Amino acid sequence: MAISTAKGLPRLVIALVVAGCAWVDLDLKLWQLRDRVIEWDAHSYYAYLPAQLIYDDIRLIKSDYRFDEDYFLFWPSSAENGGRVIKTTMGVAVCYAPFFLLGHLYASLSAYPADGWSPPYKIALLIGALFYLAMGLELTRHLLARCGFRATTTAITLALIGSGTNLFCYASQSATSSHVYSFFLVAWSMNLVLSWYERPSFRRAAGLGALLGLVSLVRPTNVLLWCVFALYGIVGYKTFMTRLIFLFRRWAQLLVMAIAAFIVWVPQLMYWKTITGAYFYNSYIGEHFFFTSPHILEGMFGFRKGWLIYTPIMAFALAGLGLLRDRAASLRWGLIVLMVLSIYVTFSWWCWWYGGTFGQRAMIDLYPLLAIPLAAFVDRVLQGRLWVRIVATGAGSFLVWLNIFQTLQFEEGSLHYDAMTFRCYVKQFGRMEKVEDFEQLLDHPDYDRARQTGQ
């Protein structure tokens, strides 16, 4: 009975995390507000669906789609040929699509406007985010089980990832951002990486290629995930040579993998060709990476948006990289290389704080993989002395509380979206209401300067 109960713990944790995010959704009722849910970057992610499926106007030329004097339904950029191009790639729209269609069906059969922006669409997107969160956590559970972790270790790890990191915020308060979808796709992709290496086949190669293509279509920088695939199983020079031979002998499957990834991108290339006249188009004109001056220290430890300041629990995941054993050790070098490259690329972007968001949202995409070293750390703690387990339990519980509290602070505005400082953070710590001199303690970034110089 005890063993059976332990095996069910991870799925109980998943249910509780999803229920917690649903509670936040129901409490905030953001679908009732005109400029919430489909907001900021989500305007671009989402635009493909109503533009094509409701208005039959993927070129966005039939109207300016003005909701009122100061609110537009679409936020296109202008291409050099005058075309009105949606800025982001369409990967998130692919993930939205099933829930968009359900929302559209309900709106069409009800008194709500079937315009793409009425409450049924927003509620459907929020439900979709909960679905992808649940599936992402379930696939992460499966990944941890395949790496040999016990059910208790897996359950604790899922609880920490689901409620102790900014994934919680991006599956509820900011659910339409790209990250919960990346989380799901990365977890699925990594399971397929293991499956392909266990039993290589053309079918698995095609599936893995398609998934890696889709996750990069959601966020192009996710192309870095290919290095985990390439480095899987390498623990030294001998295994490096063995891996090269293994891959060389399966060149045809690798070709199928690459073709499948390319096919996923074909609709995007055709869209760019239709709108801009070019198959490959940089829609982020005037926005750059500054690879010679990355903001790594600020991005990791700064109070404006430091990853380990606002998601400190992930420090345990980084510590766990040195604890990987057995099958999980096969992922060590891939994880280390991916982390180094991701941190470098993420914090080389001109807007290294990634706008008005909670914590370093760009790192969420890596959480299914970071769950593995985090589980290794948790496993070591569970095998430690009683006082170690007591201290770790207290620290973990506090960090989960802190994450949820700061998520609510962010929604209330008492944790500023891009201008926090050390003094403001310390003075505001643990308080939901803004302190009197809150505004005076902030340090607002200069977006124009950052765009031009990266500083």
Protein backbone atom coordinates (compact mmCIF):
# COMPACT_ATOMS: atom_id res chain seq x y z
CA MET A 1 0.00 0.00 0.00
CA ALA A 2 2.81 2.42 0.89
CA ILE A 3 4.60 1.72 -2.40
CA SER A 4 1.37 2.21 -4.36
CA THR A 5 0.70 5.48 -2.55
CA ALA A 6 4.22 6.73 -3.24
CA LYS A 7 3.84 5.97 -6.95
CA GLY A 8 0.73 8.13 -7.04
CA LEU A 9 2.38 11.12 -5.36
CA PRO A 10 3.80 12.75 -8.52
CA ARG A 11 0.40 12.85 -10.23
CA LEU A 12 -1.23 14.17 -7.04
CA VAL A 13 1.35 16.97 -7.03
CA ILE A 14 0.61 17.73 -10.69
CA ALA A 15 -3.11 17.97 -9.92
CA LEU A 16 -2.46 20.32 -6.99
CA VAL A 17 -0.17 22.59 -9.02
CA VAL A 18 -2.69 22.83 -11.86
CA ALA A 19 -5.47 23.47 -9.32
CA GLY A 20 -3.38 26.25 -7.79
CA CYS A 21 -2.95 27.95 -11.16
CA ALA A 22 -6.67 27.52 -11.88
CA TRP A 23 -7.43 29.15 -8.52
CA VAL A 24 -5.32 32.17 -9.53
CA ASP A 25 -7.20 32.36 -12.85
CA LEU A 26 -10.58 32.24 -11.11
CA ASP A 27 -9.52 34.77 -8.50
CA LEU A 28 -8.16 37.32 -10.99
CA LYS A 29 -10.86 36.83 -13.67
CA LEU A 30 -8.59 38.47 -16.23
CA TRP A 31 -10.87 37.45 -19.11
CA GLN A 32 -13.25 40.20 -18.02
CA LEU A 33 -10.69 42.91 -18.79
CA ARG A 34 -10.29 44.25 -22.32
CA ASP A 35 -6.49 44.43 -22.31
CA ARG A 36 -5.63 41.26 -20.38
CA VAL A 37 -4.99 37.63 -21.35
CA ILE A 38 -4.36 38.55 -25.01
CA GLU A 39 -1.74 41.12 -24.13
CA TRP A 40 1.76 42.25 -25.08
CA ASP A 41 3.61 39.49 -26.96
CA ALA A 42 0.45 37.37 -26.98
CA HIS A 43 -1.08 39.90 -29.40
CA SER A 44 1.47 38.74 -31.97
CA TYR A 45 1.39 35.05 -31.07
CA TYR A 46 -2.39 35.02 -31.30
CA ALA A 47 -2.84 37.25 -34.37
CA TYR A 48 -2.40 34.44 -36.91
CA LEU A 49 -5.58 32.69 -35.73
CA PRO A 50 -8.27 35.40 -35.91
CA ALA A 51 -6.58 37.05 -38.90
CA GLN A 52 -6.82 33.87 -40.98
CA LEU A 53 -9.73 31.94 -39.47
CA ILE A 54 -12.16 34.75 -38.60
CA TYR A 55 -11.31 37.74 -40.78
CA ASP A 56 -9.75 35.88 -43.75
CA ASP A 57 -7.13 38.61 -43.84
CA ILE A 58 -3.69 37.22 -43.08
CA ARG A 59 -2.24 40.29 -44.82
CA LEU A 60 -4.12 42.58 -42.37
CA ILE A 61 -5.13 44.97 -45.15
CA LYS A 62 -8.94 44.98 -44.94
CA SER A 63 -9.04 47.21 -41.88
CA ASP A 64 -6.86 48.76 -39.21
CA TYR A 65 -8.83 46.62 -36.74
CA ARG A 66 -9.25 49.45 -34.29
CA PHE A 67 -11.29 48.43 -31.24
CA ASP A 68 -11.63 52.03 -30.13
CA GLU A 69 -9.55 55.20 -30.42
CA ASP A 70 -6.52 53.82 -28.60
CA TYR A 71 -6.79 50.04 -28.91
CA PHE A 72 -5.95 47.89 -31.92
CA LEU A 73 -6.72 44.18 -32.23
CA PHE A 74 -3.54 43.50 -34.22
CA TRP A 75 -0.06 44.95 -33.72
CA PRO A 76 1.77 44.24 -37.01
CA SER A 77 5.18 45.54 -38.01
CA SER A 78 5.88 47.13 -41.38
CA ALA A 79 8.08 45.23 -43.82
CA GLU A 80 10.31 47.02 -46.32
CA ASN A 81 7.82 46.27 -49.10
CA GLY A 82 4.98 47.80 -47.07
CA GLY A 83 3.53 44.49 -45.94
CA ARG A 84 1.98 44.28 -42.49
CA VAL A 85 3.81 41.38 -40.89
CA ILE A 86 3.11 39.66 -37.58
CA LYS A 87 6.28 40.06 -35.55
CA THR A 88 6.55 36.68 -33.83
CA THR A 89 6.74 33.23 -35.37
CA MET A 90 3.57 31.13 -35.42
CA GLY A 91 4.58 28.30 -33.07
CA VAL A 92 2.55 29.57 -30.12
CA ALA A 93 -0.47 30.02 -32.40
CA VAL A 94 -0.21 26.32 -33.28
CA CYS A 95 -0.44 25.52 -29.56
CA TYR A 96 -3.30 27.98 -29.07
CA ALA A 97 -5.25 26.62 -32.05
CA PRO A 98 -7.31 23.77 -30.51
CA PHE A 99 -8.47 26.00 -27.66
CA PHE A 100 -9.04 28.97 -29.95
CA LEU A 101 -11.37 26.79 -32.03
CA LEU A 102 -13.27 25.68 -28.92
CA GLY A 103 -13.63 29.30 -27.84
CA HIS A 104 -14.77 30.29 -31.32
CA LEU A 105 -17.34 27.48 -31.38
CA TYR A 106 -18.76 28.57 -28.03
CA ALA A 107 -18.82 32.24 -29.01
CA SER A 108 -20.55 31.38 -32.30
CA LEU A 109 -23.29 29.48 -30.47
CA SER A 110 -23.77 32.08 -27.74
CA ALA A 111 -24.53 35.77 -27.40
CA TYR A 112 -20.83 36.66 -27.22
CA PRO A 113 -19.21 38.29 -30.27
CA ALA A 114 -17.37 35.70 -32.36
CA ASP A 115 -14.62 38.24 -32.99
CA GLY A 116 -11.61 36.52 -31.46
CA TRP A 117 -11.40 38.77 -28.42
CA SER A 118 -14.55 38.18 -26.38
CA PRO A 119 -14.41 36.26 -23.05
CA PRO A 120 -14.91 32.74 -24.50
CA TYR A 121 -11.65 33.03 -26.44
CA LYS A 122 -9.73 34.27 -23.40
CA ILE A 123 -11.17 31.60 -21.12
CA ALA A 124 -10.31 28.95 -23.70
CA LEU A 125 -6.70 30.16 -23.84
CA LEU A 126 -6.42 30.08 -20.05
CA ILE A 127 -7.80 26.53 -20.00
CA GLY A 128 -5.32 25.65 -22.74
CA ALA A 129 -2.42 26.91 -20.64
CA LEU A 130 -3.56 24.70 -17.75
CA PHE A 131 -3.71 21.74 -20.14
CA TYR A 132 -0.18 22.35 -21.41
CA LEU A 133 1.05 22.83 -17.84
CA ALA A 134 -0.48 19.50 -16.79
CA MET A 135 0.93 17.69 -19.82
CA GLY A 136 4.33 19.33 -19.40
CA LEU A 137 4.52 18.28 -15.76
CA GLU A 138 3.34 14.76 -16.63
CA LEU A 139 6.01 14.46 -19.32
CA THR A 140 8.59 15.81 -16.87
CA ARG A 141 7.44 13.14 -14.39
CA HIS A 142 7.96 10.52 -17.07
CA LEU A 143 11.40 11.94 -17.89
CA LEU A 144 12.47 11.79 -14.24
CA ALA A 145 11.18 8.23 -13.91
CA ARG A 146 13.19 7.22 -16.98
CA CYS A 147 16.26 8.76 -15.39
CA GLY A 148 15.80 6.44 -12.42
CA PHE A 149 14.42 8.78 -9.77
CA ARG A 150 12.05 7.44 -7.12
CA ALA A 151 8.43 8.57 -6.97
CA THR A 152 8.98 10.59 -3.77
CA THR A 153 11.93 12.44 -5.30
CA THR A 154 9.93 13.06 -8.47
CA ALA A 155 6.92 14.37 -6.53
CA ILE A 156 9.02 16.85 -4.55
CA THR A 157 10.81 17.98 -7.71
CA LEU A 158 7.53 18.57 -9.56
CA ALA A 159 6.19 20.53 -6.58
CA LEU A 160 9.27 22.76 -6.59
CA ILE A 161 9.19 23.28 -10.37
CA GLY A 162 5.43 23.82 -10.52
CA SER A 163 4.94 26.10 -7.53
CA GLY A 164 8.42 27.31 -6.59
CA THR A 165 9.43 28.83 -9.93
CA ASN A 166 8.04 31.47 -12.27
CA LEU A 167 6.43 28.67 -14.28
CA PHE A 168 3.54 29.14 -11.83
CA CYS A 169 3.13 32.75 -12.97
CA TYR A 170 3.38 31.87 -16.66
CA ALA A 171 0.72 29.18 -16.39
CA SER A 172 -1.76 31.49 -14.65
CA GLN A 173 -1.31 35.25 -14.41
CA SER A 174 0.71 35.44 -17.66
CA ALA A 175 -0.58 32.23 -19.24
CA THR A 176 -0.57 33.36 -22.86
CA SER A 177 3.15 34.05 -22.96
CA SER A 178 5.13 31.44 -24.88
CA HIS A 179 6.78 29.71 -21.96
CA VAL A 180 4.26 27.16 -20.70
CA TYR A 181 4.00 25.90 -24.30
CA SER A 182 7.77 25.65 -24.59
CA PHE A 183 7.83 23.85 -21.24
CA PHE A 184 5.44 21.22 -22.58
CA LEU A 185 7.24 20.80 -25.91
CA VAL A 186 10.71 20.61 -24.35
CA ALA A 187 9.53 17.93 -21.90
CA TRP A 188 8.01 15.95 -24.77
CA SER A 189 11.11 16.42 -26.95
CA MET A 190 13.48 15.18 -24.26
CA ASN A 191 11.41 12.05 -23.76
CA LEU A 192 11.66 11.41 -27.49
CA VAL A 193 15.43 11.96 -27.36
CA LEU A 194 15.69 9.11 -24.86
CA SER A 195 13.30 6.97 -26.90
CA TRP A 196 15.26 7.48 -30.11
CA TYR A 197 18.57 6.57 -28.49
CA GLU A 198 16.96 3.48 -26.94
CA ARG A 199 15.48 2.23 -30.21
CA PRO A 200 16.39 4.38 -33.21
CA SER A 201 13.80 4.32 -35.97
CA PHE A 202 12.69 6.52 -38.84
CA ARG A 203 9.32 7.12 -37.19
CA ARG A 204 10.90 8.30 -33.95
CA ALA A 205 13.40 10.39 -35.89
CA ALA A 206 10.57 12.12 -37.75
CA GLY A 207 8.64 12.72 -34.53
CA LEU A 208 11.67 14.11 -32.72
CA GLY A 209 12.58 16.35 -35.65
CA ALA A 210 9.03 17.69 -35.86
CA LEU A 211 8.95 18.43 -32.13
CA LEU A 212 12.32 20.16 -32.14
CA GLY A 213 11.16 22.13 -35.16
CA LEU A 214 7.97 23.17 -33.39
CA VAL A 215 9.68 24.16 -30.16
CA SER A 216 12.04 26.39 -32.17
CA LEU A 217 9.03 27.81 -34.02
CA VAL A 218 7.61 28.77 -30.61
CA ARG A 219 10.88 30.49 -29.65
CA PRO A 220 13.69 30.41 -32.23
CA THR A 221 16.40 30.41 -29.53
CA ASN A 222 15.12 26.98 -28.51
CA VAL A 223 17.13 25.65 -31.43
CA LEU A 224 19.88 25.29 -28.80
CA LEU A 225 18.07 22.17 -27.58
CA TRP A 226 19.67 20.27 -30.44
CA CYS A 227 22.92 20.24 -28.46
CA VAL A 228 21.28 18.07 -25.76
CA PHE A 229 20.35 15.58 -28.47
CA ALA A 230 23.84 15.65 -29.97
CA LEU A 231 25.67 15.29 -26.64
CA TYR A 232 23.44 12.67 -25.02
CA GLY A 233 25.45 9.79 -23.58
CA ILE A 234 28.83 11.52 -23.87
CA VAL A 235 30.78 11.34 -20.60
CA GLY A 236 34.35 11.26 -21.95
CA TYR A 237 36.53 10.92 -25.05
CA LYS A 238 35.74 7.24 -25.56
CA THR A 239 31.99 7.79 -25.43
CA PHE A 240 32.42 10.84 -27.67
CA MET A 241 33.93 8.69 -30.42
CA THR A 242 31.31 5.99 -29.85
CA ARG A 243 28.56 8.58 -30.20
CA LEU A 244 30.02 9.93 -33.46
CA ILE A 245 30.08 6.43 -34.93
CA PHE A 246 26.54 5.76 -33.68
CA LEU A 247 25.22 8.94 -35.32
CA PHE A 248 27.21 8.45 -38.54
CA ARG A 249 25.71 4.99 -39.02
CA ARG A 250 22.24 6.49 -38.72
CA TRP A 251 22.77 9.40 -41.09
CA ALA A 252 19.55 8.62 -42.96
CA GLN A 253 17.49 8.94 -39.78
CA LEU A 254 19.27 12.21 -38.95
CA LEU A 255 18.35 13.45 -42.41
CA VAL A 256 14.70 12.53 -41.81
CA MET A 257 14.91 14.36 -38.48
CA ALA A 258 16.21 17.52 -40.16
CA ILE A 259 13.61 17.32 -42.95
CA ALA A 260 10.80 16.93 -40.40
CA ALA A 261 12.04 19.99 -38.50
CA PHE A 262 12.18 21.96 -41.75
CA ILE A 263 8.65 20.90 -42.77
CA VAL A 264 7.29 22.33 -39.52
CA TRP A 265 8.83 25.67 -40.51
CA VAL A 266 7.43 25.65 -44.07
CA PRO A 267 4.15 27.48 -43.19
CA GLN A 268 6.20 30.21 -41.50
CA LEU A 269 8.47 30.58 -44.52
CA MET A 270 5.45 30.73 -46.84
CA TYR A 271 3.84 33.37 -44.62
CA TRP A 272 6.97 35.52 -44.71
CA LYS A 273 7.20 35.09 -48.50
CA THR A 274 3.55 36.10 -48.91
CA ILE A 275 3.78 39.20 -46.73
CA THR A 276 7.36 40.41 -47.16
CA GLY A 277 8.48 38.89 -50.46
CA ALA A 278 11.28 36.91 -48.77
CA TYR A 279 11.29 33.38 -47.38
CA PHE A 280 13.52 34.40 -44.49
CA TYR A 281 12.65 37.61 -42.71
CA ASN A 282 13.94 39.33 -39.58
CA SER A 283 10.83 40.78 -37.99
CA TYR A 284 12.82 42.18 -35.07
CA ILE A 285 14.22 45.11 -37.04
CA GLY A 286 16.15 47.45 -34.75
CA GLU A 287 16.46 44.77 -32.04
CA HIS A 288 19.70 42.85 -31.68
CA PHE A 289 21.85 40.54 -29.67
CA PHE A 290 24.98 42.15 -28.21
CA PHE A 291 27.19 39.09 -27.94
CA THR A 292 30.28 41.08 -26.94
CA SER A 293 28.59 42.59 -23.88
CA PRO A 294 26.18 40.10 -22.31
CA HIS A 295 24.53 41.03 -19.00
CA ILE A 296 25.16 37.70 -17.32
CA LEU A 297 25.68 38.92 -13.76
CA GLU A 298 22.67 41.26 -13.90
CA GLY A 299 20.57 38.57 -15.56
CA MET A 300 21.45 35.99 -12.94
CA PHE A 301 21.75 38.05 -9.75
CA GLY A 302 20.47 41.60 -10.42
CA PHE A 303 17.38 42.88 -8.66
CA ARG A 304 15.87 44.28 -11.85
CA LYS A 305 15.18 40.77 -13.15
CA GLY A 306 17.82 38.34 -11.83
CA TRP A 307 16.92 34.71 -12.44
CA LEU A 308 18.30 33.43 -9.14
CA ILE A 309 16.92 36.43 -7.24
CA TYR A 310 13.31 35.86 -8.31
CA THR A 311 13.59 32.08 -8.78
CA PRO A 312 16.19 31.15 -6.14
CA ILE A 313 15.06 27.55 -5.97
CA MET A 314 16.79 26.91 -9.30
CA ALA A 315 20.16 27.37 -7.60
CA PHE A 316 19.57 23.86 -6.25
CA ALA A 317 19.13 22.62 -9.82
CA LEU A 318 22.48 24.12 -10.82
CA ALA A 319 24.10 22.51 -7.78
CA GLY A 320 22.55 19.20 -8.82
CA LEU A 321 24.46 19.14 -12.12
CA GLY A 322 27.40 17.67 -10.23
CA LEU A 323 25.25 14.98 -8.62
CA LEU A 324 23.90 13.25 -11.73
CA ARG A 325 24.39 9.50 -11.64
CA ASP A 326 23.59 6.46 -13.76
CA ARG A 327 21.29 7.25 -16.69
CA ALA A 328 20.89 10.90 -15.73
CA ALA A 329 24.66 11.27 -16.09
CA SER A 330 24.22 10.69 -19.83
CA LEU A 331 22.59 14.12 -19.99
CA ARG A 332 25.19 15.97 -17.90
CA TRP A 333 27.35 17.44 -20.65
CA GLY A 334 24.38 18.24 -22.84
CA LEU A 335 22.76 20.08 -19.92
CA ILE A 336 25.94 21.96 -19.04
CA VAL A 337 26.57 23.05 -22.63
CA LEU A 338 22.90 24.01 -23.04
CA MET A 339 22.93 26.04 -19.82
CA VAL A 340 26.12 27.89 -20.74
CA LEU A 341 24.87 28.71 -24.24
CA SER A 342 21.35 29.61 -23.06
CA ILE A 343 22.58 31.95 -20.34
CA TYR A 344 24.99 33.61 -22.77
CA VAL A 345 22.41 34.03 -25.55
CA THR A 346 19.55 35.00 -23.23
CA PHE A 347 21.47 37.78 -21.55
CA SER A 348 23.05 39.02 -24.79
CA TRP A 349 19.64 40.21 -26.02
CA TRP A 350 19.33 44.00 -26.00
CA CYS A 351 16.40 43.78 -23.57
CA TRP A 352 18.05 41.25 -21.30
CA TRP A 353 15.33 41.78 -18.64
CA TYR A 354 12.66 40.81 -21.22
CA GLY A 355 10.22 43.64 -20.67
CA GLY A 356 7.45 43.85 -18.12
CA THR A 357 7.52 40.33 -16.75
CA PHE A 358 8.03 38.41 -13.52
CA GLY A 359 11.54 37.01 -13.15
CA GLN A 360 13.62 35.72 -16.03
CA ARG A 361 10.89 34.19 -18.14
CA ALA A 362 13.29 33.10 -20.89
CA MET A 363 14.74 30.45 -18.56
CA ILE A 364 11.39 28.65 -18.07
CA ASP A 365 11.85 26.76 -21.33
CA LEU A 366 14.74 24.84 -19.73
CA TYR A 367 12.87 23.73 -16.61
CA PRO A 368 11.97 20.21 -17.84
CA LEU A 369 15.69 19.58 -18.28
CA LEU A 370 16.70 21.37 -15.09
CA ALA A 371 14.21 19.16 -13.25
CA ILE A 372 16.76 16.35 -13.67
CA PRO A 373 19.62 17.94 -11.67
CA LEU A 374 17.05 19.39 -9.27
CA ALA A 375 15.80 15.84 -8.67
CA ALA A 376 19.40 14.71 -8.11
CA PHE A 377 19.77 17.41 -5.46
CA VAL A 378 16.46 16.45 -3.82
CA ASP A 379 17.48 12.78 -3.85
CA ARG A 380 20.75 13.60 -2.11
CA VAL A 381 18.88 15.58 0.56
CA LEU A 382 16.44 12.72 1.16
CA GLN A 383 19.40 10.42 1.78
CA GLY A 384 21.01 12.89 4.17
CA ARG A 385 20.80 13.22 7.92
CA LEU A 386 17.60 14.22 9.67
CA TRP A 387 18.72 17.80 10.33
CA VAL A 388 19.61 18.20 6.64
CA ARG A 389 16.13 17.04 5.64
CA ILE A 390 14.50 19.38 8.17
CA VAL A 391 16.49 22.42 7.02
CA ALA A 392 15.91 21.58 3.34
CA THR A 393 12.17 21.13 3.91
CA GLY A 394 11.97 24.50 5.62
CA ALA A 395 13.99 26.21 2.88
CA GLY A 396 11.99 24.61 0.09
CA SER A 397 8.66 25.48 1.72
CA PHE A 398 9.76 29.08 2.21
CA LEU A 399 10.88 29.42 -1.40
CA VAL A 400 7.58 28.01 -2.68
CA TRP A 401 5.70 30.51 -0.51
CA LEU A 402 7.99 33.31 -1.68
CA ASN A 403 7.40 32.49 -5.34
CA ILE A 404 3.62 32.43 -5.00
CA PHE A 405 3.61 35.59 -2.88
CA GLN A 406 5.84 37.44 -5.34
CA THR A 407 3.65 36.32 -8.23
CA LEU A 408 0.73 38.00 -6.47
CA GLN A 409 2.92 41.03 -5.68
CA PHE A 410 3.71 41.28 -9.38
CA GLU A 411 0.02 41.23 -10.27
CA GLU A 412 -0.71 43.89 -7.62
CA GLY A 413 2.14 46.09 -8.87
CA SER A 414 4.09 46.01 -5.60
CA LEU A 415 6.85 44.08 -7.38
CA HIS A 416 7.68 46.29 -10.34
CA TYR A 417 7.81 44.67 -13.76
CA ASP A 418 11.15 46.13 -14.92
CA ALA A 419 12.51 48.72 -12.47
CA MET A 420 13.18 46.91 -9.18
CA THR A 421 16.31 47.75 -7.18
CA PHE A 422 17.96 46.17 -4.16
CA ARG A 423 16.63 48.91 -1.86
CA CYS A 424 13.11 48.60 -3.22
CA TYR A 425 13.18 44.80 -3.03
CA VAL A 426 14.32 44.79 0.59
CA LYS A 427 11.84 47.45 1.69
CA GLN A 428 8.95 45.81 -0.19
CA PHE A 429 9.82 42.26 0.90
CA GLY A 430 6.83 40.44 2.35
CA ARG A 431 4.46 43.37 1.78
CA MET A 432 1.57 43.28 -0.65
CA GLU A 433 0.81 46.99 -0.41
CA LYS A 434 3.34 49.39 -1.92
CA VAL A 435 5.62 51.16 0.55
CA GLU A 436 5.24 54.94 0.60
CA ASP A 437 8.43 55.72 -1.33
CA PHE A 438 8.02 52.81 -3.75
CA GLU A 439 8.29 54.94 -6.91
CA GLN A 440 11.34 56.81 -5.64
CA LEU A 441 13.19 53.53 -5.04
CA LEU A 442 12.78 52.30 -8.62
CA ASP A 443 15.33 52.52 -11.43
CA HIS A 444 13.55 52.51 -14.79
CA PRO A 445 15.54 51.10 -17.72
CA ASP A 446 16.28 53.22 -20.77
CA TYR A 447 14.75 51.13 -23.55
CA ASP A 448 15.99 53.34 -26.40
CA ARG A 449 19.55 53.28 -25.13
CA ALA A 450 19.46 49.53 -24.55
CA ARG A 451 18.14 48.95 -28.07
CA GLN A 452 20.99 50.98 -29.55
CA THR A 453 23.91 49.99 -27.34
CA GLY A 454 22.85 46.93 -25.34
CA GLN A 455 23.49 48.85 -22.11
